[in-house]
């Protein structure tokens, strides 16, 4: 006797993706129990608002990875020759994503599995009899994908910039036009491709323009949208907490219940400084938290809270010092500084690469001319005394000599034998600093993202800095922390500066 025919009602249900997502798939819940997957409110909203390319900034434990995995399996089961790719920060986590898909498949109705069976099954790939399949890895380059999920991309960008570049140049380029892409993560500092993509997507959303095929739709899911984030026992709400909740109402229209406030205060006690990135209330707040492993995270955060990063423009009549880092065939950086009433005011930052010295001096000339500024001391690291071949004379000259011929006299700051000591020196000096956010925005990002190198095998931070795009800005700041000398007053009416150049 043959198998009974499927009813029209069942066929109609299986043709409805929303019905399938709520009725066909089993998962393991937060308590480890096997349960039927049902979309929660946030997951339904994501499904309702889907675009081809989607970037998701989220609070923790809201179920988006689970939803996206179930959606990937659903697309493979009910579409022939559909290729899905899943990318995670480690191969272990990538394999974990695939095991969750296998778990859901194995508990599907036999009537479906009999039609769409597994033909290839290993730790990094599943292929089905309808030609569809799921591949996982830390990056994907082979084949063309109809579905791509990049999990915790913020952490990949923060801990492994080279891996993030591979994801960007490799995995994202496997996606066929007008196919589904999900990049989801909690925030991890104000730098890296996840941060950049998030800001670009927000700008498109804020402009109100229709989304193009290559635009990402920005999705934000704050902690207060999750109904489970409530506490039924009252806790003490401090004046600082009350001010925070009041600002959410006044600035963002977010009104919390007492139970939500109690939960937030209790969770903040547990999470400390990680609360902003793990359980953000607003998109901007998510990126206030420091990048994990960053050397100057606490200091920069304190400066922001004390409003010492804001509007601190050039003060006329006070000389401007410069602090340099020279990159041989690499990024060259300059910080601009004034000492104002005992405060270190950082009023400008400039960087470029592949350009001769004249390019940087021309920028300084223009900057000073626009403000009528007077230069103080130009500080440079030890390599300012190293000889380099010049294009004009063909002779080997030091940067200091070449600069002097253009009217800029450098003071050499000797190399600190300990990089860690230089880092500690910056930490000790940052509390006395103020930064003009408009003039120093790029430099500030470099400082707050200068971090330790991540050891992937050991799963821990190494004891030395990572050399990346943030290194040169931090190195130039070390020239200040290691070599700056407070100018000496002479006759109480003039500052004694070395090599002052008036523009």
Protein backbone atom coordinates (compact mmCIF):
# COMPACT_ATOMS: atom_id res chain seq x y z
CA UNK A 1 0.00 0.00 0.00
CA UNK A 2 1.41 3.45 -0.92
CA UNK A 3 1.85 6.34 1.44
CA UNK A 4 -1.30 8.40 1.97
CA UNK A 5 -1.57 11.53 -0.15
CA UNK A 6 -0.94 14.86 1.55
CA UNK A 7 -4.06 16.88 2.20
CA UNK A 8 -4.67 20.16 0.39
CA UNK A 9 -4.78 21.88 3.77
CA UNK A 10 -1.28 20.61 4.62
CA UNK A 11 0.07 21.56 1.21
CA UNK A 12 -1.38 25.05 1.61
CA UNK A 13 0.20 25.37 5.06
CA UNK A 14 3.60 24.23 3.79
CA UNK A 15 3.35 26.82 1.03
CA UNK A 16 3.07 29.60 3.67
CA UNK A 17 6.49 30.60 4.94
CA UNK A 18 5.16 32.26 8.08
CA UNK A 19 3.21 29.14 8.99
CA UNK A 20 6.27 26.97 8.35
CA UNK A 21 8.52 29.11 10.53
CA UNK A 22 6.12 28.78 13.45
CA UNK A 23 5.17 25.12 13.07
CA UNK A 24 7.87 22.97 11.44
CA UNK A 25 11.11 23.54 13.33
CA UNK A 26 12.38 22.50 16.73
CA UNK A 27 15.18 24.15 18.68
CA UNK A 28 16.79 23.98 22.11
CA UNK A 29 15.62 26.90 24.24
CA UNK A 30 17.60 28.95 26.81
CA UNK A 31 16.90 26.29 29.45
CA UNK A 32 18.15 23.45 27.26
CA UNK A 33 14.68 22.07 26.51
CA UNK A 34 13.68 20.91 23.03
CA UNK A 35 10.79 23.11 21.97
CA UNK A 36 8.88 24.11 18.86
CA UNK A 37 10.32 27.31 17.40
CA UNK A 38 7.85 30.19 17.45
CA UNK A 39 8.87 33.62 16.25
CA UNK A 40 8.95 36.24 18.98
CA UNK A 41 7.92 39.86 18.43
CA UNK A 42 11.41 41.03 17.42
CA UNK A 43 11.90 38.15 14.99
CA UNK A 44 8.52 38.84 13.37
CA UNK A 45 9.45 42.49 12.97
CA UNK A 46 12.70 41.53 11.28
CA UNK A 47 10.81 39.24 8.90
CA UNK A 48 8.30 42.01 8.14
CA UNK A 49 11.06 44.54 7.42
CA UNK A 50 13.39 42.37 5.34
CA UNK A 51 15.49 43.88 2.57
CA UNK A 52 18.04 42.07 0.41
CA UNK A 53 20.90 43.30 2.62
CA UNK A 54 20.22 43.59 6.36
CA UNK A 55 22.43 44.81 9.18
CA UNK A 56 21.22 44.12 12.71
CA UNK A 57 22.45 45.93 15.81
CA UNK A 58 21.01 44.18 18.83
CA UNK A 59 20.95 43.49 22.51
CA UNK A 60 22.02 40.05 23.64
CA UNK A 61 19.88 36.93 23.69
CA UNK A 62 17.03 38.17 21.50
CA UNK A 63 17.09 35.09 19.27
CA UNK A 64 18.20 36.53 15.94
CA UNK A 65 20.86 33.91 15.22
CA UNK A 66 18.28 31.19 15.83
CA UNK A 67 15.72 32.89 13.60
CA UNK A 68 18.22 33.39 10.77
CA UNK A 69 19.38 29.77 10.97
CA UNK A 70 15.80 28.49 10.82
CA UNK A 71 15.11 30.81 7.89
CA UNK A 72 18.21 29.49 6.08
CA UNK A 73 17.06 25.90 6.56
CA UNK A 74 13.54 26.79 5.44
CA UNK A 75 14.88 28.39 2.25
CA UNK A 76 16.95 25.29 1.50
CA UNK A 77 14.09 22.87 2.13
CA UNK A 78 11.50 24.68 0.02
CA UNK A 79 13.74 25.92 -2.83
CA UNK A 80 15.81 23.84 -5.21
CA UNK A 81 19.50 24.67 -5.77
CA UNK A 82 19.50 27.23 -2.98
CA UNK A 83 22.94 27.87 -1.44
CA UNK A 84 23.28 29.28 2.09
CA UNK A 85 26.51 30.37 3.77
CA UNK A 86 27.08 30.94 7.51
CA UNK A 87 30.12 32.85 8.81
CA UNK A 88 31.20 33.00 12.47
CA UNK A 89 34.20 34.38 14.36
CA UNK A 90 35.76 30.92 14.92
CA UNK A 91 35.48 27.63 13.07
CA UNK A 92 34.15 26.06 16.29
CA UNK A 93 31.31 28.58 16.41
CA UNK A 94 30.68 28.15 12.67
CA UNK A 95 30.34 24.39 13.12
CA UNK A 96 27.99 25.11 16.03
CA UNK A 97 25.70 27.05 13.69
CA UNK A 98 25.58 24.10 11.31
CA UNK A 99 24.84 21.65 14.12
CA UNK A 100 21.82 23.75 15.09
CA UNK A 101 20.52 23.52 11.53
CA UNK A 102 21.00 19.74 11.58
CA UNK A 103 19.15 19.58 14.90
CA UNK A 104 16.14 21.39 13.40
CA UNK A 105 16.19 19.30 10.20
CA UNK A 106 16.26 15.99 12.06
CA UNK A 107 13.01 16.91 13.87
CA UNK A 108 11.08 17.95 10.78
CA UNK A 109 8.09 15.87 9.63
CA UNK A 110 9.14 12.65 7.90
CA UNK A 111 6.94 13.53 4.92
CA UNK A 112 9.25 16.45 4.18
CA UNK A 113 12.51 14.63 4.95
CA UNK A 114 11.47 11.80 2.62
CA UNK A 115 11.23 14.27 -0.24
CA UNK A 116 14.27 16.42 0.67
CA UNK A 117 16.90 14.18 2.23
CA UNK A 118 20.50 14.86 3.23
CA UNK A 119 23.05 13.68 0.67
CA UNK A 120 26.23 15.22 2.15
CA UNK A 121 26.76 15.66 5.87
CA UNK A 122 30.01 16.77 7.47
CA UNK A 123 31.16 19.30 10.06
CA UNK A 124 31.24 22.20 7.60
CA UNK A 125 28.57 21.43 5.00
CA UNK A 126 25.16 19.88 4.46
CA UNK A 127 23.80 19.15 0.98
CA UNK A 128 20.21 18.15 0.28
CA UNK A 129 18.71 16.00 -2.46
CA UNK A 130 17.02 19.04 -4.06
CA UNK A 131 20.43 20.58 -4.82
CA UNK A 132 20.30 23.06 -1.95
CA UNK A 133 22.90 23.22 0.81
CA UNK A 134 24.44 25.05 3.76
CA UNK A 135 28.17 25.78 4.09
CA UNK A 136 29.87 27.26 7.17
CA UNK A 137 33.28 28.78 7.89
CA UNK A 138 35.18 31.81 9.16
CA UNK A 139 35.08 33.08 5.57
CA UNK A 140 33.57 31.76 2.37
CA UNK A 141 34.96 32.29 -1.12
CA UNK A 142 33.75 29.35 -3.18
CA UNK A 143 30.54 29.36 -5.20
CA UNK A 144 27.66 31.79 -5.31
CA UNK A 145 25.39 32.17 -2.32
CA UNK A 146 21.66 32.96 -2.20
CA UNK A 147 21.73 33.45 1.57
CA UNK A 148 24.55 34.74 3.76
CA UNK A 149 24.62 35.08 7.55
CA UNK A 150 27.60 36.77 9.24
CA UNK A 151 27.32 36.24 12.99
CA UNK A 152 28.85 38.65 15.56
CA UNK A 153 30.62 40.64 12.87
CA UNK A 154 31.46 43.39 15.38
CA UNK A 155 33.60 40.97 17.36
CA UNK A 156 35.30 39.70 14.20
CA UNK A 157 36.20 43.27 13.22
CA UNK A 158 37.52 44.05 16.72
CA UNK A 159 39.54 40.91 17.42
CA UNK A 160 40.66 39.88 13.95
CA UNK A 161 40.81 42.80 11.47
CA UNK A 162 42.53 40.62 8.86
CA UNK A 163 39.72 38.07 9.13
CA UNK A 164 37.17 40.88 8.80
CA UNK A 165 38.86 42.02 5.58
CA UNK A 166 38.61 38.48 4.28
CA UNK A 167 34.92 38.35 5.16
CA UNK A 168 34.39 41.69 3.42
CA UNK A 169 36.34 40.85 0.27
CA UNK A 170 35.51 37.14 0.18
CA UNK A 171 32.23 36.17 1.81
CA UNK A 172 30.22 39.25 0.87
CA UNK A 173 31.29 38.90 -2.74
CA UNK A 174 29.86 35.37 -2.95
CA UNK A 175 26.33 36.75 -2.55
CA UNK A 176 24.32 36.81 -5.74
CA UNK A 177 22.40 40.03 -6.62
CA UNK A 178 19.08 40.57 -4.83
CA UNK A 179 19.66 37.68 -2.43
CA UNK A 180 19.42 37.64 1.36
CA UNK A 181 22.24 38.81 3.60
CA UNK A 182 22.15 39.17 7.40
CA UNK A 183 24.99 40.82 9.31
CA UNK A 184 24.15 40.75 13.01
CA UNK A 185 26.14 41.64 16.07
CA UNK A 186 26.32 43.47 19.33
CA UNK A 187 28.47 46.59 19.11
CA UNK A 188 32.22 46.46 19.63
CA UNK A 189 33.68 49.97 19.60
CA UNK A 190 33.42 52.82 17.13
CA UNK A 191 35.60 51.36 14.39
CA UNK A 192 35.76 48.49 11.93
CA UNK A 193 33.56 47.42 9.05
CA UNK A 194 30.56 46.55 11.23
CA UNK A 195 30.54 50.06 12.69
CA UNK A 196 31.05 51.63 9.26
CA UNK A 197 28.26 49.61 7.66
CA UNK A 198 25.93 50.39 10.55
CA UNK A 199 26.57 54.13 10.26
CA UNK A 200 26.09 54.06 6.48
CA UNK A 201 22.82 52.16 6.83
CA UNK A 202 21.60 54.60 9.48
CA UNK A 203 22.45 57.54 7.21
CA UNK A 204 20.39 56.02 4.39
CA UNK A 205 17.48 55.40 6.78
CA UNK A 206 17.69 58.94 8.21
CA UNK A 207 17.65 60.43 4.71
CA UNK A 208 14.38 58.62 4.00
CA UNK A 209 15.51 57.59 0.52
CA UNK A 210 14.33 54.33 -1.07
CA UNK A 211 16.78 51.49 -0.51
CA UNK A 212 18.83 50.38 -3.48
CA UNK A 213 19.85 46.79 -4.10
CA UNK A 214 23.28 47.45 -2.57
CA UNK A 215 22.04 49.45 0.41
CA UNK A 216 21.81 47.79 3.81
CA UNK A 217 18.61 48.16 5.80
CA UNK A 218 19.37 49.11 9.39
CA UNK A 219 17.58 47.12 12.08
CA UNK A 220 18.01 48.00 15.75
CA UNK A 221 16.59 45.93 18.59
CA UNK A 222 17.15 47.43 22.07
CA UNK A 223 16.89 45.45 25.28
CA UNK A 224 13.61 47.08 26.33
CA UNK A 225 11.78 45.49 23.39
CA UNK A 226 12.33 42.04 24.91
CA UNK A 227 9.45 41.22 27.29
CA UNK A 228 11.67 38.90 29.34
CA UNK A 229 13.94 41.74 30.44
CA UNK A 230 11.93 42.61 33.53
CA UNK A 231 12.48 42.13 37.24
CA UNK A 232 9.62 41.70 39.68
CA UNK A 233 11.60 42.60 42.80
CA UNK A 234 12.27 46.27 43.38
CA UNK A 235 15.84 47.57 43.53
CA UNK A 236 17.25 50.94 44.56
CA UNK A 237 17.27 53.44 41.70
CA UNK A 238 20.02 56.00 42.25
CA UNK A 239 19.86 59.64 41.16
CA UNK A 240 22.21 58.73 38.29
CA UNK A 241 19.88 55.93 37.18
CA UNK A 242 16.83 58.20 37.43
CA UNK A 243 18.59 60.81 35.29
CA UNK A 244 19.40 58.17 32.68
CA UNK A 245 15.78 56.96 32.50
CA UNK A 246 14.58 60.56 32.30
CA UNK A 247 16.92 61.24 29.36
CA UNK A 248 15.52 58.20 27.55
CA UNK A 249 12.07 59.75 27.82
CA UNK A 250 13.08 63.32 26.93
CA UNK A 251 15.52 62.53 24.11
CA UNK A 252 14.17 59.28 22.66
CA UNK A 253 10.57 58.92 23.84
CA UNK A 254 11.40 55.63 25.59
CA UNK A 255 9.22 55.14 28.68
CA UNK A 256 10.11 52.17 30.85
CA UNK A 257 8.00 50.41 33.42
CA UNK A 258 9.25 50.03 37.00
CA UNK A 259 9.96 46.36 36.32
CA UNK A 260 12.10 47.26 33.31
CA UNK A 261 13.99 49.87 35.33
CA UNK A 262 14.61 47.39 38.14
CA UNK A 263 15.92 44.84 35.65
CA UNK A 264 18.20 47.39 33.99
CA UNK A 265 19.71 48.63 37.27
CA UNK A 266 20.30 45.07 38.52
CA UNK A 267 21.82 44.00 35.22
CA UNK A 268 24.05 47.07 35.11
CA UNK A 269 25.41 46.15 38.52
CA UNK A 270 26.40 42.79 37.08
CA UNK A 271 27.64 43.94 33.65
CA UNK A 272 29.33 47.19 34.60
CA UNK A 273 30.94 48.97 31.65
CA UNK A 274 29.70 46.34 29.17
CA UNK A 275 26.05 47.33 29.66
CA UNK A 276 26.02 49.77 26.74
CA UNK A 277 27.18 47.26 24.15
CA UNK A 278 25.45 44.17 25.53
CA UNK A 279 22.10 45.80 26.36
CA UNK A 280 21.89 49.14 24.52
CA UNK A 281 18.84 51.37 24.79
CA UNK A 282 19.66 53.38 21.64
CA UNK A 283 21.92 52.82 18.60
CA UNK A 284 24.33 55.58 19.64
CA UNK A 285 24.60 54.15 23.12
CA UNK A 286 25.62 50.76 21.70
CA UNK A 287 28.81 52.25 20.31
CA UNK A 288 29.67 54.23 23.44
CA UNK A 289 31.11 51.11 24.99
CA UNK A 290 34.79 50.52 24.48
CA UNK A 291 36.21 48.00 22.10
CA UNK A 292 37.23 44.86 23.94
CA UNK A 293 40.99 44.78 24.53
CA UNK A 294 41.38 48.54 23.91
CA UNK A 295 44.14 50.13 25.98
CA UNK A 296 42.52 53.52 26.58
CA UNK A 297 38.90 52.42 26.86
CA UNK A 298 38.31 53.59 30.41
CA UNK A 299 40.06 56.93 29.92
CA UNK A 300 38.23 57.86 26.70
CA UNK A 301 34.90 56.83 28.22
CA UNK A 302 35.57 59.02 31.25
CA UNK A 303 36.47 61.97 29.02
CA UNK A 304 33.16 61.59 27.18
CA UNK A 305 31.22 61.44 30.43
CA UNK A 306 33.01 64.54 31.70
CA UNK A 307 32.24 66.38 28.42
CA UNK A 308 35.95 66.75 27.70
CA UNK A 309 35.36 65.49 24.18
CA UNK A 310 33.27 68.12 22.45
CA UNK A 311 33.81 71.68 21.24
CA UNK A 312 37.39 72.77 22.00
CA UNK A 313 38.53 74.85 18.99
CA UNK A 314 41.80 76.71 18.43
CA UNK A 315 42.41 79.48 20.99
CA UNK A 316 43.98 82.55 19.31
CA UNK A 317 47.27 83.80 20.72
CA UNK A 318 48.43 80.48 22.14
CA UNK A 319 51.13 78.58 20.16
CA UNK A 320 50.21 75.26 18.57
CA UNK A 321 52.50 72.25 19.06
CA UNK A 322 52.54 69.29 16.69
CA UNK A 323 53.27 65.62 17.39
CA UNK A 324 54.14 63.31 14.49
CA UNK A 325 54.47 59.70 13.53
CA UNK A 326 56.27 58.88 10.27
CA UNK A 327 55.21 55.79 8.39
CA UNK A 328 57.69 54.53 5.81
CA UNK A 329 55.33 53.76 2.92
CA UNK A 330 52.54 53.78 5.51
CA UNK A 331 50.21 56.20 7.26
CA UNK A 332 51.74 59.45 8.52
CA UNK A 333 49.95 61.26 11.35
CA UNK A 334 49.97 64.65 13.08
CA UNK A 335 48.27 65.76 16.30
CA UNK A 336 47.77 69.50 16.97
CA UNK A 337 47.95 70.66 20.60
CA UNK A 338 47.61 73.78 22.72
CA UNK A 339 48.31 74.20 26.41
CA UNK A 340 45.37 76.28 27.68
CA UNK A 341 45.30 77.16 31.39
CA UNK A 342 47.12 73.97 32.24
CA UNK A 343 44.85 71.78 30.07
CA UNK A 344 46.07 69.82 27.08
CA UNK A 345 43.73 70.88 24.27
CA UNK A 346 43.78 68.69 21.16
CA UNK A 347 42.43 70.86 18.36
CA UNK A 348 43.31 69.00 15.17
CA UNK A 349 44.40 65.72 13.66
CA UNK A 350 45.62 64.90 10.15
CA UNK A 351 46.73 61.70 8.47
CA UNK A 352 47.58 60.56 4.97
CA UNK A 353 49.81 58.03 3.25
CA UNK A 354 52.06 57.78 0.23
CA UNK A 355 52.82 61.51 0.21
CA UNK A 356 56.05 63.48 0.63
CA UNK A 357 56.85 65.78 3.54
CA UNK A 358 55.79 68.84 1.56
CA UNK A 359 52.22 67.53 1.45
CA UNK A 360 51.97 67.58 5.27
CA UNK A 361 53.67 70.94 5.65
CA UNK A 362 51.32 72.41 3.05
CA UNK A 363 48.38 71.15 5.11
CA UNK A 364 49.84 72.79 8.21
CA UNK A 365 50.42 76.05 6.31
CA UNK A 366 46.78 76.15 5.19
CA UNK A 367 45.49 75.21 8.64
CA UNK A 368 47.51 77.96 10.33
CA UNK A 369 46.75 80.60 7.70
CA UNK A 370 43.01 80.07 8.13
CA UNK A 371 43.33 80.80 11.85
CA UNK A 372 46.28 83.14 12.06
CA UNK A 373 47.99 80.52 14.19
CA UNK A 374 51.54 80.51 15.52
CA UNK A 375 53.48 77.29 15.80
CA UNK A 376 55.13 76.19 19.00
CA UNK A 377 57.30 73.05 19.03
CA UNK A 378 57.24 70.31 16.41
CA UNK A 379 57.89 66.96 18.12
CA UNK A 380 58.87 63.88 16.17
CA UNK A 381 59.85 60.28 17.01
CA UNK A 382 63.40 58.96 16.81
CA UNK A 383 63.17 58.03 13.13
CA UNK A 384 63.14 61.73 12.25
CA UNK A 385 66.94 61.38 12.48
CA UNK A 386 67.09 58.42 10.09
CA UNK A 387 68.40 59.09 6.61
CA UNK A 388 66.18 58.57 3.58
CA UNK A 389 66.83 58.93 -0.10
CA UNK A 390 65.45 62.20 -1.52
CA UNK A 391 63.92 62.50 -4.95
CA UNK A 392 65.30 65.98 -5.67
CA UNK A 393 68.95 65.66 -4.70
CA UNK A 394 69.38 61.89 -4.87
CA UNK A 395 71.25 62.10 -1.57
CA UNK A 396 70.38 60.45 1.72
CA UNK A 397 69.09 63.03 4.20
CA UNK A 398 67.28 62.86 7.51
CA UNK A 399 63.67 63.95 7.78
CA UNK A 400 64.82 66.55 10.28
CA UNK A 401 67.23 68.04 7.72
CA UNK A 402 64.65 68.04 4.95
CA UNK A 403 62.08 69.63 7.26
CA UNK A 404 64.54 72.33 8.38
CA UNK A 405 65.10 73.31 4.76
CA UNK A 406 61.35 74.01 4.60
CA UNK A 407 61.38 76.05 7.80
CA UNK A 408 60.19 73.39 10.26
CA UNK A 409 62.56 72.47 13.08
CA UNK A 410 61.83 69.17 14.79
CA UNK A 411 62.64 68.18 18.35
CA UNK A 412 63.50 64.47 18.52
CA UNK A 413 61.72 62.33 21.10
CA UNK A 414 63.80 59.25 21.84
CA UNK A 415 62.19 55.84 21.60
CA UNK A 416 60.81 54.57 24.88
CA UNK A 417 62.41 51.14 25.41
CA UNK A 418 59.05 49.83 26.68
CA UNK A 419 55.89 50.18 24.60
CA UNK A 420 53.86 49.33 27.66
CA UNK A 421 55.45 52.21 29.54
CA UNK A 422 54.45 54.54 26.70
CA UNK A 423 50.90 53.22 26.92
CA UNK A 424 50.87 53.79 30.67
CA UNK A 425 52.18 57.31 30.10
CA UNK A 426 49.23 58.08 27.81
CA UNK A 427 46.83 56.71 30.42
CA UNK A 428 48.30 59.02 33.04
CA UNK A 429 48.01 62.10 30.81
CA UNK A 430 44.58 61.59 29.21
CA UNK A 431 42.61 62.82 32.26
CA UNK A 432 44.17 66.29 31.74
CA UNK A 433 43.20 66.35 28.04
CA UNK A 434 40.32 67.84 26.08
CA UNK A 435 39.57 66.95 22.45
CA UNK A 436 37.82 69.02 19.82
CA UNK A 437 35.55 66.35 18.36
CA UNK A 438 35.20 68.05 14.98
CA UNK A 439 38.92 68.56 14.48
CA UNK A 440 40.08 65.27 16.01
CA UNK A 441 37.31 62.81 15.18
CA UNK A 442 39.55 60.40 13.27
CA UNK A 443 42.32 60.60 15.87
CA UNK A 444 39.89 59.96 18.71
CA UNK A 445 38.66 56.82 16.97
CA UNK A 446 42.26 55.63 16.67
CA UNK A 447 42.94 56.23 20.35
CA UNK A 448 39.81 54.48 21.58
CA UNK A 449 40.42 51.50 19.29
CA UNK A 450 44.15 51.02 19.83
CA UNK A 451 44.18 47.57 21.35
CA UNK A 452 46.01 44.43 22.28
CA UNK A 453 46.57 41.72 19.70
CA UNK A 454 44.20 38.76 19.93
CA UNK A 455 45.69 35.26 20.13
CA UNK A 456 43.11 33.10 18.39
CA UNK A 457 44.69 29.79 19.38
CA UNK A 458 44.93 30.70 23.06
CA UNK A 459 41.62 32.58 23.03
CA UNK A 460 43.19 35.47 24.93
CA UNK A 461 44.66 38.93 24.46
CA UNK A 462 48.42 39.10 23.97
CA UNK A 463 50.55 41.48 26.02
CA UNK A 464 51.52 43.69 23.06
CA UNK A 465 49.60 46.02 20.74
CA UNK A 466 47.99 45.02 17.49
CA UNK A 467 49.51 46.81 14.49
CA UNK A 468 46.55 48.04 12.47
CA UNK A 469 45.04 51.26 11.11
CA UNK A 470 44.83 52.68 14.63
CA UNK A 471 48.52 52.22 15.49
CA UNK A 472 49.97 55.35 13.86
CA UNK A 473 47.52 57.75 15.49
CA UNK A 474 48.33 56.20 18.87
CA UNK A 475 52.08 56.25 18.17
CA UNK A 476 51.95 59.98 17.39
CA UNK A 477 50.16 60.52 20.70
CA UNK A 478 52.95 58.59 22.42
CA UNK A 479 55.39 61.19 21.08
CA UNK A 480 53.42 63.66 23.22
CA UNK A 481 53.25 61.46 26.32
CA UNK A 482 56.94 60.52 26.12
CA UNK A 483 58.45 63.81 25.01
CA UNK A 484 56.32 66.88 25.64
CA UNK A 485 57.87 69.57 27.82
CA UNK A 486 55.78 72.30 29.40
CA UNK A 487 57.09 75.61 28.00
CA UNK A 488 59.04 77.74 30.40
CA UNK A 489 57.90 81.30 31.04
CA UNK A 490 60.50 84.02 30.58
CA UNK A 491 60.05 87.33 32.36
CA UNK A 492 56.38 86.32 32.91
CA UNK A 493 55.42 87.80 29.52
CA UNK A 494 56.61 85.45 26.80
CA UNK A 495 56.66 81.73 26.24
CA UNK A 496 60.02 80.23 25.46
CA UNK A 497 59.42 77.81 22.59
CA UNK A 498 61.88 75.91 20.49
CA UNK A 499 61.84 76.49 16.72
CA UNK A 500 58.73 78.61 16.51
CA UNK A 501 57.52 79.19 12.96
CA UNK A 502 55.07 82.04 12.37
CA UNK A 503 52.69 81.57 9.45
